[in-house]
Protein backbone atom coordinates (compact mmCIF):
# COMPACT_ATOMS: atom_id res chain seq x y z
CA ILE A 1 69.80 -88.75 -69.94
CA ARG A 2 68.23 -87.24 -66.77
CA ALA A 3 65.04 -89.33 -67.08
CA LYS A 4 66.91 -92.46 -67.71
CA HIS A 5 69.18 -91.79 -64.94
CA TYR A 6 66.29 -91.18 -62.50
CA ALA A 7 64.58 -94.25 -63.87
CA THR A 8 67.48 -96.32 -62.57
CA HIS A 9 66.68 -95.06 -59.03
CA LEU A 10 63.04 -96.08 -59.46
CA LEU A 11 63.86 -99.49 -60.93
CA HIS A 12 66.35 -100.07 -58.01
CA GLU A 13 63.71 -99.49 -55.42
CA ALA A 14 60.99 -101.37 -57.27
CA LEU A 15 63.44 -104.37 -57.68
CA ARG A 16 64.12 -104.32 -53.94
CA GLU A 17 60.31 -104.08 -53.26
CA THR A 18 59.60 -107.05 -55.58
CA LEU A 19 62.61 -109.31 -55.22
CA GLY A 20 63.81 -108.48 -51.75
CA THR A 21 66.28 -106.28 -49.85
CA HIS A 22 69.18 -108.34 -50.95
CA VAL A 23 69.01 -106.58 -54.34
CA ALA A 24 71.89 -104.05 -54.79
CA GLN A 25 73.05 -102.14 -57.75
CA LYS A 26 76.01 -103.62 -59.48
CA GLY A 27 76.39 -101.18 -62.37
CA SER A 28 74.32 -99.10 -64.87
CA LEU A 29 74.44 -97.51 -68.25
CA VAL A 30 72.47 -94.36 -68.93
CA ALA A 31 72.44 -93.54 -72.71
CA PRO A 32 70.35 -91.14 -74.74
CA ASP A 33 68.23 -93.96 -76.11
CA ARG A 34 68.08 -96.56 -73.25
CA LEU A 35 69.30 -97.63 -69.83
CA ARG A 36 70.72 -100.82 -68.37
CA PHE A 37 70.57 -101.58 -64.58
CA ASP A 38 72.76 -104.46 -63.22
CA PHE A 39 71.86 -105.86 -59.92
CA SER A 40 72.48 -108.74 -57.45
CA HIS A 41 70.02 -111.59 -57.71
CA THR A 42 70.56 -115.26 -58.08
CA LYS A 43 67.85 -116.26 -60.56
CA SER A 44 65.99 -114.85 -63.62
CA VAL A 45 63.23 -112.33 -63.05
CA SER A 46 59.80 -113.73 -63.98
CA GLU A 47 57.37 -111.91 -66.39
CA GLU A 48 54.98 -111.41 -63.32
CA GLU A 49 57.97 -109.78 -61.30
CA ILE A 50 58.92 -107.61 -64.27
CA ALA A 51 55.16 -106.34 -64.69
CA ASN A 52 55.18 -105.60 -60.89
CA ILE A 53 58.60 -103.65 -61.13
CA GLU A 54 57.18 -101.52 -64.03
CA ARG A 55 53.88 -101.07 -62.20
CA LEU A 56 55.66 -99.76 -59.16
CA ALA A 57 58.09 -97.49 -60.96
CA ASN A 58 55.33 -96.12 -63.13
CA ALA A 59 53.03 -95.38 -60.15
CA ILE A 60 55.76 -93.14 -58.66
CA ILE A 61 56.29 -91.47 -62.11
CA LEU A 62 52.58 -90.66 -62.09
CA GLN A 63 52.76 -89.04 -58.74
CA ASN A 64 54.70 -86.25 -60.64
CA SER A 65 56.25 -85.49 -57.19
CA PRO A 66 59.09 -83.11 -56.88
CA VAL A 67 62.72 -84.55 -56.65
CA GLU A 68 64.39 -83.48 -53.47
CA THR A 69 68.22 -83.00 -53.22
CA ARG A 70 69.95 -82.26 -50.03
CA LEU A 71 73.47 -81.92 -48.98
CA MET A 72 74.16 -83.91 -45.70
CA GLY A 73 76.95 -85.50 -43.71
CA VAL A 74 77.49 -89.23 -44.67
CA GLU A 75 76.34 -90.46 -41.36
CA ASP A 76 73.28 -88.16 -41.24
CA ALA A 77 72.42 -89.50 -44.68
CA LYS A 78 72.70 -93.12 -43.58
CA GLU A 79 70.62 -92.43 -40.48
CA ALA A 80 67.93 -90.79 -42.63
CA GLY A 81 67.79 -94.06 -44.61
CA ALA A 82 69.63 -93.05 -47.74
CA MET A 83 71.15 -96.04 -49.70
CA ALA A 84 74.71 -95.87 -50.79
CA LEU A 85 75.47 -97.66 -53.93
CA PHE A 86 78.01 -100.39 -54.74
CA GLY A 87 80.87 -99.65 -52.27
CA GLU A 88 81.57 -96.13 -53.72
CA LYS A 89 83.83 -93.87 -51.52
CA TYR A 90 81.98 -90.76 -50.26
CA GLY A 91 83.43 -87.46 -48.91
CA ASP A 92 82.30 -85.81 -45.65
CA GLU A 93 79.30 -84.28 -47.31
CA VAL A 94 77.05 -86.18 -49.80
CA ARG A 95 74.18 -85.38 -51.98
CA VAL A 96 70.92 -87.18 -51.02
CA VAL A 97 68.24 -87.45 -53.78
CA SER A 98 64.88 -88.55 -52.77
CA MET A 99 61.54 -88.90 -54.54
CA GLY A 100 57.99 -90.17 -54.46
CA THR A 101 55.72 -91.62 -51.76
CA ALA A 102 55.42 -95.35 -51.29
CA LEU A 103 51.79 -96.37 -51.98
CA GLU A 104 51.81 -99.90 -50.51
CA GLY A 105 53.63 -102.28 -48.27
CA GLU A 106 55.27 -101.47 -44.85
CA ASN A 107 56.74 -98.21 -46.22
CA ALA A 108 53.35 -96.77 -47.52
CA GLY A 109 53.22 -93.05 -46.95
CA LYS A 110 57.00 -92.70 -46.62
CA THR A 111 59.66 -91.54 -49.16
CA TYR A 112 59.84 -94.18 -51.94
CA SER A 113 63.49 -93.68 -53.01
CA MET A 114 66.29 -91.93 -51.23
CA GLU A 115 69.95 -92.52 -52.43
CA LEU A 116 73.26 -90.94 -52.31
CA CYS A 117 73.89 -89.85 -55.78
CA GLY A 118 75.92 -87.09 -57.63
CA GLY A 119 74.29 -87.64 -60.99
CA THR A 120 71.95 -85.47 -63.02
CA HIS A 121 68.30 -85.53 -62.14
CA VAL A 122 64.86 -84.39 -63.28
CA ARG A 123 62.81 -81.79 -61.29
CA SER A 124 59.81 -84.17 -60.78
CA THR A 125 59.11 -87.81 -61.31
CA GLY A 126 56.66 -87.02 -64.19
CA GLU A 127 59.44 -85.86 -66.46
CA ILE A 128 60.39 -89.63 -66.81
CA GLY A 129 57.26 -90.07 -68.57
CA LEU A 130 57.11 -93.93 -68.53
CA VAL A 131 59.46 -96.76 -67.90
CA LYS A 132 59.16 -100.06 -70.04
CA VAL A 133 61.53 -102.92 -69.28
CA VAL A 134 62.51 -104.57 -72.65
CA GLY A 135 65.05 -107.09 -71.57
CA GLU A 136 66.23 -109.15 -68.62
CA SER A 137 69.37 -111.39 -68.64
CA ALA A 138 72.24 -112.72 -66.63
CA VAL A 139 75.64 -110.94 -66.92
CA ALA A 140 77.67 -112.89 -64.27
CA SER A 141 77.17 -115.20 -61.47
CA GLY A 142 74.70 -113.72 -59.15
CA VAL A 143 74.16 -110.55 -61.31
CA ARG A 144 71.20 -109.88 -63.57
CA ARG A 145 70.46 -107.05 -65.96
CA LEU A 146 67.35 -105.19 -66.86
CA GLU A 147 67.29 -103.07 -69.94
CA ALA A 148 64.62 -100.37 -70.26
CA LEU A 149 63.26 -97.46 -72.24
CA THR A 150 61.63 -94.30 -70.94
CA ALA A 151 59.46 -91.48 -72.23
CA ASP A 152 59.28 -91.31 -76.02
CA GLY A 153 61.40 -94.29 -76.52
CA ALA A 154 59.08 -96.37 -74.27
CA ARG A 155 56.07 -95.05 -76.11
CA ALA A 156 57.57 -95.79 -79.56
CA TYR A 157 58.40 -99.41 -78.44
CA LEU A 158 54.85 -99.94 -77.15
CA ASP A 159 53.46 -98.52 -80.44
CA GLU A 160 55.69 -100.94 -82.44
CA GLN A 161 54.45 -103.84 -80.32
CA ASP A 162 50.79 -102.78 -80.86
CA LYS A 163 51.28 -102.58 -84.57
CA THR A 164 52.90 -106.06 -84.42
CA VAL A 165 49.95 -107.65 -82.54
CA LYS A 166 47.51 -105.95 -84.93
CA ALA A 167 49.20 -107.30 -88.00
CA ILE A 168 49.22 -110.83 -86.51
CA ALA A 169 45.58 -110.50 -85.59
CA ASP A 170 44.69 -109.18 -89.19
CA ARG A 171 46.45 -112.21 -90.77
CA LEU A 172 44.55 -114.61 -88.31
CA LYS A 173 41.36 -112.62 -88.86
CA VAL A 174 40.79 -112.28 -85.13
CA ALA A 175 40.53 -109.30 -82.64
CA PRO A 176 44.07 -108.35 -81.39
CA ARG A 177 42.94 -109.65 -77.89
CA ASP A 178 42.36 -113.07 -79.30
CA ALA A 179 45.55 -113.32 -81.37
CA ALA A 180 47.70 -115.31 -78.81
CA SER A 181 45.04 -117.95 -78.17
CA ARG A 182 44.51 -118.32 -81.98
CA VAL A 183 48.32 -118.84 -82.45
CA ALA A 184 48.40 -121.27 -79.67
CA ALA A 185 45.51 -123.23 -81.18
């Protein structure tokens, strides 16, 4: 659960970096086997954009950087750049969770993700293991949903995809890398 919860923070920032700062969390589900992340955006997310979102999130995971948690006043947290999520009400003191170092863009070298959050978290980003987006859909007007797997679930999913491609390639009597072009032909 911790890994999936923290992956939602990574996905949120990767979505904002890829699609624009208009992206805001509209809800999420963190379950033992998967996660869902709902966000504001007016059109479907392309395969290229999903690949970039995964690349950005997984780059932060590979940093294996410590997750920092601080208690701060609400105004101090906002001044520090912490993101508050979907109109929640906060007390005088809030918990600010930050992680990773941005590797590219205008924020390169700065903290990758900093959000107000009371949820459960990993000690370091490496505990997430891997993020794999397995679905993207519309849930309401102007609201999109990503579904993703982490760690062992993501690796099992990728193993299953690999087996499927190999089985198709075997039936077509081609190398796995040539299966798609053979099917197209």
